[in-house]
Amino acid sequence: QVQLVESGGGLVQSGGSLRLSCAASGSILSINTITWYRQALGKQRELVAAITSGGNTNYADSVKGRFTISRDNAKKTAYLQMNSLNPEDTAVYYCTADEILFRDQASGVRGAYDYWGQGTQVTVSS
């Protein structure tokens, strides 16, 4: 099977930076679009940034110019570099993949769709 594991969250002061990682594990053949979402306490989940397998990116207006999404396909890892953080960025951040193709010993090549990690907490203090 496959897993997406986020890391890099923590507590940072306003104006600071964090780099989140989303590492995929398993016998992975390919990962399509990777998207970072966040959900603050009591608020709806929102899209933060997305990157296609070809490297095209998309950002929420609220993070443009401050956050950068990237990926290393060889390492099966995506990153979210977050700069100039402010308290409004406080949330649980999730990475997702819309399609992961992986090798299953019993079934050959399989697909996992709309796959989510467990999330990592980011807290920005004022």
Foldseek 3Di string as FASTA:
>chain_A
DKAWAKDFADEAAAQAKIKIKIAMDAQWDDFFKKWKWWDAVPGDIDTAKMAGSVGDMDGDPVQPPFWDWDDDGVRRMIMIIGGRDDQVPWTWMKMWTQWIWGQDPVPGIDIDGRGIHPTDTHGYHD
